Amino acid sequence: MVSKQDLEIFRIRIIADIEQLLEVSHSHSKDEFDWLRSKAIRKMMDISPATLQNLRITGKIRHKKIMGSYYYSRIDLLKLFEDEN
């Protein structure tokens, strides 16, 4: 037989397990790269479209092209501009 106390203990364990999984998932998402579109990068870094294109062509930043739109690693760009200072 299962008592109310057994169910309460089971509920507490399930909630604790879910919280732990969410914490692990959240910490992994912080480690992943943020990929932003060209317009957002240009606005954030205050650079022209040509400058961004030159950085892409010369291989100084990583990029992905998905269905005609370029996405850039925000972390790579920040590191690149930090190194220039």
PDB file of N, CA and C in Angstrom:
ATOM      1  N   MET A   1       0.807  -1.179   0.000  1.00  0.00           N
ATOM      2  CA  MET A   1       0.000   0.000   0.000  1.00  0.00           C
ATOM      3  C   MET A   1       0.859   1.256   0.000  1.00  0.00           C
ATOM      4  N   VAL A   2       0.344   2.279  -0.667  1.00  0.00           N
ATOM      5  CA  VAL A   2       1.042   3.557  -0.743  1.00  0.00           C
ATOM      6  C   VAL A   2       0.295   4.570   0.117  1.00  0.00           C
ATOM      7  N   SER A   3       1.045   5.194   0.998  1.00  0.00           N
ATOM      8  CA  SER A   3       0.422   6.174   1.892  1.00  0.00           C
ATOM      9  C   SER A   3       0.562   7.584   1.330  1.00  0.00           C
ATOM     10  N   LYS A   4      -0.142   8.523   1.961  1.00  0.00           N
ATOM     11  CA  LYS A   4      -0.029   9.930   1.559  1.00  0.00           C
ATOM     12  C   LYS A   4       1.399  10.430   1.764  1.00  0.00           C
ATOM     13  N   GLN A   5       2.029   9.954   2.818  1.00  0.00           N
ATOM     14  CA  GLN A   5       3.408  10.358   3.095  1.00  0.00           C
ATOM     15  C   GLN A   5       4.351   9.851   2.003  1.00  0.00           C
ATOM     16  N   ASP A   6       4.147   8.628   1.534  1.00  0.00           N
ATOM     17  CA  ASP A   6       4.956   8.091   0.438  1.00  0.00           C
ATOM     18  C   ASP A   6       4.802   8.944  -0.824  1.00  0.00           C
ATOM     19  N   LEU A   7       3.572   9.329  -1.126  1.00  0.00           N
ATOM     20  CA  LEU A   7       3.325  10.169  -2.302  1.00  0.00           C
ATOM     21  C   LEU A   7       3.961  11.553  -2.152  1.00  0.00           C
ATOM     22  N   GLU A   8       3.922  12.077  -0.952  1.00  0.00           N
ATOM     23  CA  GLU A   8       4.531  13.391  -0.701  1.00  0.00           C
ATOM     24  C   GLU A   8       6.052  13.323  -0.887  1.00  0.00           C
ATOM     25  N   ILE A   9       6.655  12.281  -0.370  1.00  0.00           N
ATOM     26  CA  ILE A   9       8.107  12.084  -0.545  1.00  0.00           C
ATOM     27  C   ILE A   9       8.435  11.928  -2.029  1.00  0.00           C
ATOM     28  N   PHE A  10       7.640  11.169  -2.734  1.00  0.00           N
ATOM     29  CA  PHE A  10       7.835  10.971  -4.174  1.00  0.00           C
ATOM     30  C   PHE A  10       7.723  12.306  -4.928  1.00  0.00           C
ATOM     31  N   ARG A  11       6.723  13.114  -4.566  1.00  0.00           N
ATOM     32  CA  ARG A  11       6.537  14.426  -5.201  1.00  0.00           C
ATOM     33  C   ARG A  11       7.746  15.325  -4.974  1.00  0.00           C
ATOM     34  N   ILE A  12       8.247  15.342  -3.757  1.00  0.00           N
ATOM     35  CA  ILE A  12       9.407  16.182  -3.424  1.00  0.00           C
ATOM     36  C   ILE A  12      10.631  15.740  -4.222  1.00  0.00           C
ATOM     37  N   ARG A  13      10.828  14.436  -4.350  1.00  0.00           N
ATOM     38  CA  ARG A  13      11.974  13.925  -5.126  1.00  0.00           C
ATOM     39  C   ARG A  13      11.852  14.287  -6.608  1.00  0.00           C
ATOM     40  N   ILE A  14      10.650  14.185  -7.147  1.00  0.00           N
ATOM     41  CA  ILE A  14      10.444  14.529  -8.562  1.00  0.00           C
ATOM     42  C   ILE A  14      10.731  16.013  -8.786  1.00  0.00           C
ATOM     43  N   ILE A  15      10.235  16.851  -7.911  1.00  0.00           N
ATOM     44  CA  ILE A  15      10.475  18.297  -8.044  1.00  0.00           C
ATOM     45  C   ILE A  15      11.973  18.595  -7.946  1.00  0.00           C
ATOM     46  N   ALA A  16      12.662  17.968  -7.020  1.00  0.00           N
ATOM     47  CA  ALA A  16      14.108  18.173  -6.880  1.00  0.00           C
ATOM     48  C   ALA A  16      14.850  17.729  -8.137  1.00  0.00           C
ATOM     49  N   ASP A  17      14.454  16.586  -8.691  1.00  0.00           N
ATOM     50  CA  ASP A  17      15.085  16.094  -9.916  1.00  0.00           C
ATOM     51  C   ASP A  17      14.848  17.042 -11.089  1.00  0.00           C
ATOM     52  N   ILE A  18      13.656  17.558 -11.206  1.00  0.00           N
ATOM     53  CA  ILE A  18      13.339  18.493 -12.292  1.00  0.00           C
ATOM     54  C   ILE A  18      14.148  19.777 -12.137  1.00  0.00           C
ATOM     55  N   GLU A  19      14.241  20.297 -10.908  1.00  0.00           N
ATOM     56  CA  GLU A  19      15.028  21.504 -10.667  1.00  0.00           C
ATOM     57  C   GLU A  19      16.488  21.280 -11.029  1.00  0.00           C
ATOM     58  N   GLN A  20      17.020  20.126 -10.693  1.00  0.00           N
ATOM     59  CA  GLN A  20      18.408  19.806 -11.010  1.00  0.00           C
ATOM     60  C   GLN A  20      18.611  19.741 -12.524  1.00  0.00           C
ATOM     61  N   LEU A  21      17.700  19.123 -13.236  1.00  0.00           N
ATOM     62  CA  LEU A  21      17.794  19.051 -14.691  1.00  0.00           C
ATOM     63  C   LEU A  21      17.732  20.438 -15.328  1.00  0.00           C
ATOM     64  N   LEU A  22      16.877  21.289 -14.807  1.00  0.00           N
ATOM     65  CA  LEU A  22      16.766  22.645 -15.340  1.00  0.00           C
ATOM     66  C   LEU A  22      18.032  23.453 -15.087  1.00  0.00           C
ATOM     67  N   GLU A  23      18.649  23.278 -13.937  1.00  0.00           N
ATOM     68  CA  GLU A  23      19.894  23.973 -13.631  1.00  0.00           C
ATOM     69  C   GLU A  23      21.004  23.526 -14.566  1.00  0.00           C
ATOM     70  N   VAL A  24      21.113  22.238 -14.804  1.00  0.00           N
ATOM     71  CA  VAL A  24      22.135  21.711 -15.712  1.00  0.00           C
ATOM     72  C   VAL A  24      21.890  22.228 -17.124  1.00  0.00           C
ATOM     73  N   SER A  25      20.649  22.199 -17.557  1.00  0.00           N
ATOM     74  CA  SER A  25      20.308  22.677 -18.890  1.00  0.00           C
ATOM     75  C   SER A  25      20.603  24.156 -19.029  1.00  0.00           C
ATOM     76  N   HIS A  26      20.299  24.929 -18.018  1.00  0.00           N
ATOM     77  CA  HIS A  26      20.537  26.376 -18.054  1.00  0.00           C
ATOM     78  C   HIS A  26      22.028  26.683 -18.081  1.00  0.00           C
ATOM     79  N   SER A  27      22.846  25.945 -17.331  1.00  0.00           N
ATOM     80  CA  SER A  27      24.290  26.189 -17.325  1.00  0.00           C
ATOM     81  C   SER A  27      24.902  25.841 -18.673  1.00  0.00           C
ATOM     82  N   HIS A  28      24.371  24.815 -19.361  1.00  0.00           N
ATOM     83  CA  HIS A  28      24.879  24.468 -20.693  1.00  0.00           C
ATOM     84  C   HIS A  28      24.519  25.539 -21.713  1.00  0.00           C
ATOM     85  N   SER A  29      23.357  26.113 -21.594  1.00  0.00           N
ATOM     86  CA  SER A  29      22.943  27.122 -22.565  1.00  0.00           C
ATOM     87  C   SER A  29      23.790  28.381 -22.450  1.00  0.00           C
ATOM     88  N   LYS A  30      24.328  28.669 -21.276  1.00  0.00           N
ATOM     89  CA  LYS A  30      25.206  29.828 -21.116  1.00  0.00           C
ATOM     90  C   LYS A  30      26.528  29.612 -21.841  1.00  0.00           C
ATOM     91  N   ASP A  31      26.978  28.353 -21.920  1.00  0.00           N
ATOM     92  CA  ASP A  31      28.244  28.046 -22.562  1.00  0.00           C
ATOM     93  C   ASP A  31      28.155  28.071 -24.085  1.00  0.00           C
ATOM     94  N   GLU A  32      26.960  27.932 -24.610  1.00  0.00           N
ATOM     95  CA  GLU A  32      26.806  27.906 -26.055  1.00  0.00           C
ATOM     96  C   GLU A  32      26.989  29.297 -26.638  1.00  0.00           C
ATOM     97  N   PHE A  33      27.314  29.347 -27.932  1.00  0.00           N
ATOM     98  CA  PHE A  33      27.533  30.613 -28.609  1.00  0.00           C
ATOM     99  C   PHE A  33      26.210  31.249 -28.991  1.00  0.00           C
ATOM    100  N   ASP A  34      26.202  32.567 -28.940  1.00  0.00           N
ATOM    101  CA  ASP A  34      25.057  33.312 -29.427  1.00  0.00           C
ATOM    102  C   ASP A  34      25.303  33.627 -30.896  1.00  0.00           C
ATOM    103  N   TRP A  35      24.363  33.295 -31.741  1.00  0.00           N
ATOM    104  CA  TRP A  35      24.468  33.582 -33.161  1.00  0.00           C
ATOM    105  C   TRP A  35      23.462  34.667 -33.493  1.00  0.00           C
ATOM    106  N   LEU A  36      23.963  35.769 -34.012  1.00  0.00           N
ATOM    107  CA  LEU A  36      23.125  36.914 -34.309  1.00  0.00           C
ATOM    108  C   LEU A  36      23.162  37.243 -35.787  1.00  0.00           C
ATOM    109  N   ARG A  37      22.088  37.846 -36.283  1.00  0.00           N
ATOM    110  CA  ARG A  37      22.017  38.234 -37.690  1.00  0.00           C
ATOM    111  C   ARG A  37      22.873  39.467 -37.943  1.00  0.00           C
ATOM    112  N   SER A  38      23.139  39.708 -39.208  1.00  0.00           N
ATOM    113  CA  SER A  38      24.018  40.802 -39.623  1.00  0.00           C
ATOM    114  C   SER A  38      23.582  42.147 -39.058  1.00  0.00           C
ATOM    115  N   LYS A  39      22.309  42.461 -39.162  1.00  0.00           N
ATOM    116  CA  LYS A  39      21.816  43.766 -38.720  1.00  0.00           C
ATOM    117  C   LYS A  39      22.069  43.980 -37.228  1.00  0.00           C
ATOM    118  N   ALA A  40      21.829  42.965 -36.423  1.00  0.00           N
ATOM    119  CA  ALA A  40      22.050  43.083 -34.983  1.00  0.00           C
ATOM    120  C   ALA A  40      23.528  43.279 -34.664  1.00  0.00           C
ATOM    121  N   ILE A  41      24.381  42.548 -35.372  1.00  0.00           N
ATOM    122  CA  ILE A  41      25.823  42.686 -35.159  1.00  0.00           C
ATOM    123  C   ILE A  41      26.293  44.081 -35.553  1.00  0.00           C
ATOM    124  N   ARG A  42      25.846  44.559 -36.718  1.00  0.00           N
ATOM    125  CA  ARG A  42      26.260  45.892 -37.177  1.00  0.00           C
ATOM    126  C   ARG A  42      25.825  46.966 -36.195  1.00  0.00           C
ATOM    127  N   LYS A  43      24.632  46.846 -35.673  1.00  0.00           N
ATOM    128  CA  LYS A  43      24.129  47.835 -34.715  1.00  0.00           C
ATOM    129  C   LYS A  43      24.910  47.752 -33.407  1.00  0.00           C
ATOM    130  N   MET A  44      25.138  46.541 -32.920  1.00  0.00           N
ATOM    131  CA  MET A  44      25.832  46.350 -31.659  1.00  0.00           C
ATOM    132  C   MET A  44      27.280  46.842 -31.729  1.00  0.00           C
ATOM    133  N   MET A  45      27.956  46.558 -32.840  1.00  0.00           N
ATOM    134  CA  MET A  45      29.370  46.899 -32.976  1.00  0.00           C
ATOM    135  C   MET A  45      29.596  48.242 -33.672  1.00  0.00           C
ATOM    136  N   ASP A  46      28.526  48.851 -34.175  1.00  0.00           N
ATOM    137  CA  ASP A  46      28.594  50.120 -34.900  1.00  0.00           C
ATOM    138  C   ASP A  46      29.588  50.020 -36.062  1.00  0.00           C
ATOM    139  N   ILE A  47      29.366  49.008 -36.908  1.00  0.00           N
ATOM    140  CA  ILE A  47      30.203  48.819 -38.085  1.00  0.00           C
ATOM    141  C   ILE A  47      29.315  48.783 -39.325  1.00  0.00           C
ATOM    142  N   SER A  48      29.936  49.012 -40.468  1.00  0.00           N
ATOM    143  CA  SER A  48      29.192  49.041 -41.730  1.00  0.00           C
ATOM    144  C   SER A  48      28.997  47.622 -42.263  1.00  0.00           C
ATOM    145  N   PRO A  49      28.049  47.470 -43.203  1.00  0.00           N
ATOM    146  CA  PRO A  49      27.872  46.151 -43.833  1.00  0.00           C
ATOM    147  C   PRO A  49      29.154  45.664 -44.510  1.00  0.00           C
ATOM    148  N   ALA A  50      29.896  46.589 -45.119  1.00  0.00           N
ATOM    149  CA  ALA A  50      31.136  46.201 -45.807  1.00  0.00           C
ATOM    150  C   ALA A  50      32.181  45.686 -44.828  1.00  0.00           C
ATOM    151  N   THR A  51      32.291  46.314 -43.667  1.00  0.00           N
ATOM    152  CA  THR A  51      33.240  45.857 -42.653  1.00  0.00           C
ATOM    153  C   THR A  51      32.902  44.451 -42.193  1.00  0.00           C
ATOM    154  N   LEU A  52      31.635  44.208 -41.952  1.00  0.00           N
ATOM    155  CA  LEU A  52      31.202  42.886 -41.525  1.00  0.00           C
ATOM    156  C   LEU A  52      31.469  41.842 -42.615  1.00  0.00           C
ATOM    157  N   GLN A  53      31.218  42.220 -43.853  1.00  0.00           N
ATOM    158  CA  GLN A  53      31.486  41.317 -44.972  1.00  0.00           C
ATOM    159  C   GLN A  53      32.977  41.014 -45.079  1.00  0.00           C
ATOM    160  N   ASN A  54      33.817  42.020 -44.916  1.00  0.00           N
ATOM    161  CA  ASN A  54      35.271  41.802 -44.978  1.00  0.00           C
ATOM    162  C   ASN A  54      35.743  40.874 -43.866  1.00  0.00           C
ATOM    163  N   LEU A  55      35.197  41.028 -42.677  1.00  0.00           N
ATOM    164  CA  LEU A  55      35.562  40.136 -41.579  1.00  0.00           C
ATOM    165  C   LEU A  55      35.155  38.702 -41.893  1.00  0.00           C
ATOM    166  N   ARG A  56      34.009  38.547 -42.518  1.00  0.00           N
ATOM    167  CA  ARG A  56      33.523  37.210 -42.887  1.00  0.00           C
ATOM    168  C   ARG A  56      34.404  36.605 -43.976  1.00  0.00           C
ATOM    169  N   ILE A  57      34.686  37.377 -45.011  1.00  0.00           N
ATOM    170  CA  ILE A  57      35.448  36.864 -46.161  1.00  0.00           C
ATOM    171  C   ILE A  57      36.877  36.501 -45.765  1.00  0.00           C
ATOM    172  N   THR A  58      37.493  37.318 -44.909  1.00  0.00           N
ATOM    173  CA  THR A  58      38.880  37.049 -44.512  1.00  0.00           C
ATOM    174  C   THR A  58      38.991  35.944 -43.464  1.00  0.00           C
ATOM    175  N   GLY A  59      37.856  35.459 -42.981  1.00  0.00           N
ATOM    176  CA  GLY A  59      37.868  34.350 -42.037  1.00  0.00           C
ATOM    177  C   GLY A  59      38.176  34.757 -40.604  1.00  0.00           C
ATOM    178  N   LYS A  60      38.053  36.033 -40.293  1.00  0.00           N
ATOM    179  CA  LYS A  60      38.348  36.494 -38.935  1.00  0.00           C
ATOM    180  C   LYS A  60      37.232  36.182 -37.951  1.00  0.00           C
ATOM    181  N   ILE A  61      36.040  35.919 -38.465  1.00  0.00           N
ATOM    182  CA  ILE A  61      34.914  35.568 -37.604  1.00  0.00           C
ATOM    183  C   ILE A  61      34.198  34.364 -38.191  1.00  0.00           C
ATOM    184  N   ARG A  62      33.629  33.584 -37.307  1.00  0.00           N
ATOM    185  CA  ARG A  62      32.841  32.440 -37.762  1.00  0.00           C
ATOM    186  C   ARG A  62      31.461  32.920 -38.184  1.00  0.00           C
ATOM    187  N   HIS A  63      30.921  32.259 -39.165  1.00  0.00           N
ATOM    188  CA  HIS A  63      29.575  32.608 -39.613  1.00  0.00           C
ATOM    189  C   HIS A  63      28.868  31.355 -40.118  1.00  0.00           C
ATOM    190  N   LYS A  64      27.554  31.473 -40.174  1.00  0.00           N
ATOM    191  CA  LYS A  64      26.717  30.421 -40.752  1.00  0.00           C
ATOM    192  C   LYS A  64      25.765  31.101 -41.712  1.00  0.00           C
ATOM    193  N   LYS A  65      25.520  30.463 -42.832  1.00  0.00           N
ATOM    194  CA  LYS A  65      24.534  30.971 -43.771  1.00  0.00           C
ATOM    195  C   LYS A  65      23.359  30.010 -43.769  1.00  0.00           C
ATOM    196  N   ILE A  66      22.221  30.540 -43.362  1.00  0.00           N
ATOM    197  CA  ILE A  66      21.015  29.722 -43.279  1.00  0.00           C
ATOM    198  C   ILE A  66      19.932  30.400 -44.101  1.00  0.00           C
ATOM    199  N   MET A  67      19.521  29.727 -45.151  1.00  0.00           N
ATOM    200  CA  MET A  67      18.468  30.213 -46.039  1.00  0.00           C
ATOM    201  C   MET A  67      18.690  31.666 -46.485  1.00  0.00           C
ATOM    202  N   GLY A  68      19.921  31.977 -46.871  1.00  0.00           N
ATOM    203  CA  GLY A  68      20.224  33.295 -47.411  1.00  0.00           C
ATOM    204  C   GLY A  68      20.591  34.347 -46.387  1.00  0.00           C
ATOM    205  N   SER A  69      20.482  34.045 -45.107  1.00  0.00           N
ATOM    206  CA  SER A  69      20.843  35.008 -44.063  1.00  0.00           C
ATOM    207  C   SER A  69      22.114  34.548 -43.365  1.00  0.00           C
ATOM    208  N   TYR A  70      22.985  35.514 -43.088  1.00  0.00           N
ATOM    209  CA  TYR A  70      24.216  35.206 -42.373  1.00  0.00           C
ATOM    210  C   TYR A  70      24.007  35.395 -40.880  1.00  0.00           C
ATOM    211  N   TYR A  71      24.572  34.479 -40.124  1.00  0.00           N
ATOM    212  CA  TYR A  71      24.564  34.560 -38.674  1.00  0.00           C
ATOM    213  C   TYR A  71      26.007  34.524 -38.196  1.00  0.00           C
ATOM    214  N   TYR A  72      26.310  35.367 -37.219  1.00  0.00           N
ATOM    215  CA  TYR A  72      27.681  35.513 -36.740  1.00  0.00           C
ATOM    216  C   TYR A  72      27.745  35.226 -35.252  1.00  0.00           C
ATOM    217  N   SER A  73      28.902  34.742 -34.831  1.00  0.00           N
ATOM    218  CA  SER A  73      29.135  34.468 -33.418  1.00  0.00           C
ATOM    219  C   SER A  73      29.430  35.788 -32.707  1.00  0.00           C
ATOM    220  N   ARG A  74      28.559  36.164 -31.784  1.00  0.00           N
ATOM    221  CA  ARG A  74      28.730  37.408 -31.037  1.00  0.00           C
ATOM    222  C   ARG A  74      30.029  37.371 -30.234  1.00  0.00           C
ATOM    223  N   ILE A  75      30.354  36.231 -29.678  1.00  0.00           N
ATOM    224  CA  ILE A  75      31.556  36.091 -28.857  1.00  0.00           C
ATOM    225  C   ILE A  75      32.810  36.306 -29.697  1.00  0.00           C
ATOM    226  N   ASP A  76      32.842  35.762 -30.921  1.00  0.00           N
ATOM    227  CA  ASP A  76      33.991  35.959 -31.800  1.00  0.00           C
ATOM    228  C   ASP A  76      34.199  37.438 -32.114  1.00  0.00           C
ATOM    229  N   LEU A  77      33.106  38.136 -32.390  1.00  0.00           N
ATOM    230  CA  LEU A  77      33.213  39.564 -32.704  1.00  0.00           C
ATOM    231  C   LEU A  77      33.688  40.373 -31.514  1.00  0.00           C
ATOM    232  N   LEU A  78      33.178  40.079 -30.347  1.00  0.00           N
ATOM    233  CA  LEU A  78      33.614  40.807 -29.158  1.00  0.00           C
ATOM    234  C   LEU A  78      35.097  40.570 -28.893  1.00  0.00           C
ATOM    235  N   LYS A  79      35.532  39.335 -29.035  1.00  0.00           N
ATOM    236  CA  LYS A  79      36.958  39.021 -28.845  1.00  0.00           C
ATOM    237  C   LYS A  79      37.814  39.737 -29.884  1.00  0.00           C
ATOM    238  N   LEU A  80      37.372  39.759 -31.114  1.00  0.00           N
ATOM    239  CA  LEU A  80      38.116  40.402 -32.190  1.00  0.00           C
ATOM    240  C   LEU A  80      38.312  41.880 -31.901  1.00  0.00           C
ATOM    241  N   PHE A  81      37.241  42.555 -31.503  1.00  0.00           N
ATOM    242  CA  PHE A  81      37.346  43.988 -31.250  1.00  0.00           C
ATOM    243  C   PHE A  81      38.049  44.296 -29.930  1.00  0.00           C
ATOM    244  N   GLU A  82      38.018  43.388 -28.976  1.00  0.00           N
ATOM    245  CA  GLU A  82      38.781  43.570 -27.738  1.00  0.00           C
ATOM    246  C   GLU A  82      40.261  43.485 -28.031  1.00  0.00           C
ATOM    247  N   ASP A  83      40.673  42.579 -28.914  1.00  0.00           N
ATOM    248  CA  ASP A  83      42.084  42.403 -29.259  1.00  0.00           C
ATOM    249  C   ASP A  83      42.647  43.632 -29.955  1.00  0.00           C
ATOM    250  N   GLU A  84      41.803  44.368 -30.694  1.00  0.00           N
ATOM    251  CA  GLU A  84      42.277  45.525 -31.436  1.00  0.00           C
ATOM    252  C   GLU A  84      42.523  46.730 -30.511  1.00  0.00           C
ATOM    253  N   ASN A  85      41.983  46.706 -29.289  1.00  0.00           N
ATOM    254  CA  ASN A  85      42.167  47.847 -28.372  1.00  0.00           C
ATOM    255  C   ASN A  85      43.451  47.762 -27.630  1.00  0.00           C
TER     256      ASN A  85
END
